[in-house]
């Protein structure tokens, strides 16, 4: 998550407001991912972030999508 925050911070094609929003959402997502829950429970908590992500720029979305795959692998 730290590397992802740095990547987002370095992106020049998005506004500071959007960067702040993305970094805030990443913090919330990190908190969910760090909880000791079943995959299904994490997925239920993360679904709203997937919907949120669908409205973002493709460059942003492709950087964040791998987080969702980590839920499956754990």
C-alpha atoms as a PDB file:
ATOM      1  CA  UNK A   1       0.000   0.000   0.000  1.00  0.00           C
ATOM      2  CA  UNK A   2       2.877   2.364   0.742  1.00  0.00           C
ATOM      3  CA  UNK A   3       4.359   1.891  -2.729  1.00  0.00           C
ATOM      4  CA  UNK A   4       0.951   2.432  -4.266  1.00  0.00           C
ATOM      5  CA  UNK A   5       0.481   5.675  -2.343  1.00  0.00           C
ATOM      6  CA  UNK A   6       3.851   6.866  -3.634  1.00  0.00           C
ATOM      7  CA  UNK A   7       2.919   5.937  -7.208  1.00  0.00           C
ATOM      8  CA  UNK A   8      -0.372   7.804  -6.971  1.00  0.00           C
ATOM      9  CA  UNK A   9       1.387  10.807  -5.450  1.00  0.00           C
ATOM     10  CA  UNK A  10       3.796  10.915  -8.390  1.00  0.00           C
ATOM     11  CA  UNK A  11       1.074  10.803 -11.051  1.00  0.00           C
ATOM     12  CA  UNK A  12       0.831  14.070 -12.936  1.00  0.00           C
ATOM     13  CA  UNK A  13      -2.397  13.426 -14.822  1.00  0.00           C
ATOM     14  CA  UNK A  14      -4.702  13.642 -11.772  1.00  0.00           C
ATOM     15  CA  UNK A  15      -5.557  16.578  -9.521  1.00  0.00           C
ATOM     16  CA  UNK A  16      -4.402  17.022  -5.937  1.00  0.00           C
ATOM     17  CA  UNK A  17      -8.020  16.615  -4.787  1.00  0.00           C
ATOM     18  CA  UNK A  18      -8.288  13.269  -6.562  1.00  0.00           C
ATOM     19  CA  UNK A  19      -4.908  12.134  -5.202  1.00  0.00           C
ATOM     20  CA  UNK A  20      -6.068  12.958  -1.674  1.00  0.00           C
ATOM     21  CA  UNK A  21      -9.302  11.039  -2.212  1.00  0.00           C
ATOM     22  CA  UNK A  22      -7.451   8.006  -3.597  1.00  0.00           C
ATOM     23  CA  UNK A  23      -4.949   7.990  -0.740  1.00  0.00           C
ATOM     24  CA  UNK A  24      -7.797   8.198   1.784  1.00  0.00           C
ATOM     25  CA  UNK A  25      -9.576   5.250   0.124  1.00  0.00           C
ATOM     26  CA  UNK A  26      -6.317   3.275   0.060  1.00  0.00           C
ATOM     27  CA  UNK A  27      -6.039   3.756   3.820  1.00  0.00           C
ATOM     28  CA  UNK A  28      -9.537   2.400   4.298  1.00  0.00           C
ATOM     29  CA  UNK A  29      -8.813  -0.534   1.982  1.00  0.00           C
ATOM     30  CA  UNK A  30      -5.568  -1.302   3.792  1.00  0.00           C
ATOM     31  CA  UNK A  31      -7.418  -1.431   7.080  1.00  0.00           C
ATOM     32  CA  UNK A  32      -9.908  -3.935   5.653  1.00  0.00           C
ATOM     33  CA  UNK A  33      -7.169  -6.078   4.100  1.00  0.00           C
ATOM     34  CA  UNK A  34      -5.236  -6.238   7.364  1.00  0.00           C
ATOM     35  CA  UNK A  35      -8.215  -7.601   9.301  1.00  0.00           C
ATOM     36  CA  UNK A  36      -8.331 -11.307  10.078  1.00  0.00           C
ATOM     37  CA  UNK A  37     -11.464 -12.252   8.139  1.00  0.00           C
ATOM     38  CA  UNK A  38     -12.560 -14.866   5.655  1.00  0.00           C
ATOM     39  CA  UNK A  39     -12.131 -13.990   1.964  1.00  0.00           C
ATOM     40  CA  UNK A  40     -15.880 -13.644   1.580  1.00  0.00           C
ATOM     41  CA  UNK A  41     -16.089 -11.144   4.454  1.00  0.00           C
ATOM     42  CA  UNK A  42     -13.232  -9.061   3.061  1.00  0.00           C
ATOM     43  CA  UNK A  43     -14.833  -9.130  -0.375  1.00  0.00           C
ATOM     44  CA  UNK A  44     -18.114  -7.841   1.026  1.00  0.00           C
ATOM     45  CA  UNK A  45     -16.291  -4.961   2.704  1.00  0.00           C
ATOM     46  CA  UNK A  46     -14.195  -4.208  -0.395  1.00  0.00           C
ATOM     47  CA  UNK A  47     -16.980  -4.305  -2.999  1.00  0.00           C
ATOM     48  CA  UNK A  48     -17.894  -0.656  -2.550  1.00  0.00           C
ATOM     49  CA  UNK A  49     -14.289   0.275  -3.337  1.00  0.00           C
ATOM     50  CA  UNK A  50     -14.436  -1.695  -6.570  1.00  0.00           C
ATOM     51  CA  UNK A  51     -17.514   0.279  -7.592  1.00  0.00           C
ATOM     52  CA  UNK A  52     -15.729   3.507  -6.608  1.00  0.00           C
ATOM     53  CA  UNK A  53     -12.659   2.428  -8.599  1.00  0.00           C
ATOM     54  CA  UNK A  54     -14.727   1.824 -11.727  1.00  0.00           C
ATOM     55  CA  UNK A  55     -15.263   5.577 -11.968  1.00  0.00           C
ATOM     56  CA  UNK A  56     -11.555   6.378 -11.902  1.00  0.00           C
ATOM     57  CA  UNK A  57      -9.034   6.893 -14.689  1.00  0.00           C
ATOM     58  CA  UNK A  58      -7.748   3.682 -16.265  1.00  0.00           C
ATOM     59  CA  UNK A  59      -4.175   4.338 -15.036  1.00  0.00           C
ATOM     60  CA  UNK A  60      -5.404   4.670 -11.466  1.00  0.00           C
ATOM     61  CA  UNK A  61      -7.692   1.644 -11.726  1.00  0.00           C
ATOM     62  CA  UNK A  62      -4.985  -0.657 -13.092  1.00  0.00           C
ATOM     63  CA  UNK A  63      -2.635   0.312 -10.272  1.00  0.00           C
ATOM     64  CA  UNK A  64      -5.219  -0.404  -7.562  1.00  0.00           C
ATOM     65  CA  UNK A  65      -6.904  -3.530  -8.987  1.00  0.00           C
ATOM     66  CA  UNK A  66      -4.129  -5.919  -7.854  1.00  0.00           C
ATOM     67  CA  UNK A  67      -5.148  -5.218  -4.247  1.00  0.00           C
ATOM     68  CA  UNK A  68      -8.384  -7.079  -4.899  1.00  0.00           C
ATOM     69  CA  UNK A  69      -6.455 -10.111  -6.161  1.00  0.00           C
ATOM     70  CA  UNK A  70      -4.477 -10.232  -2.920  1.00  0.00           C
ATOM     71  CA  UNK A  71      -7.708 -10.959  -1.041  1.00  0.00           C
ATOM     72  CA  UNK A  72      -8.179 -14.068  -3.165  1.00  0.00           C
ATOM     73  CA  UNK A  73      -4.615 -15.316  -2.700  1.00  0.00           C
ATOM     74  CA  UNK A  74      -4.668 -15.124   1.109  1.00  0.00           C
END
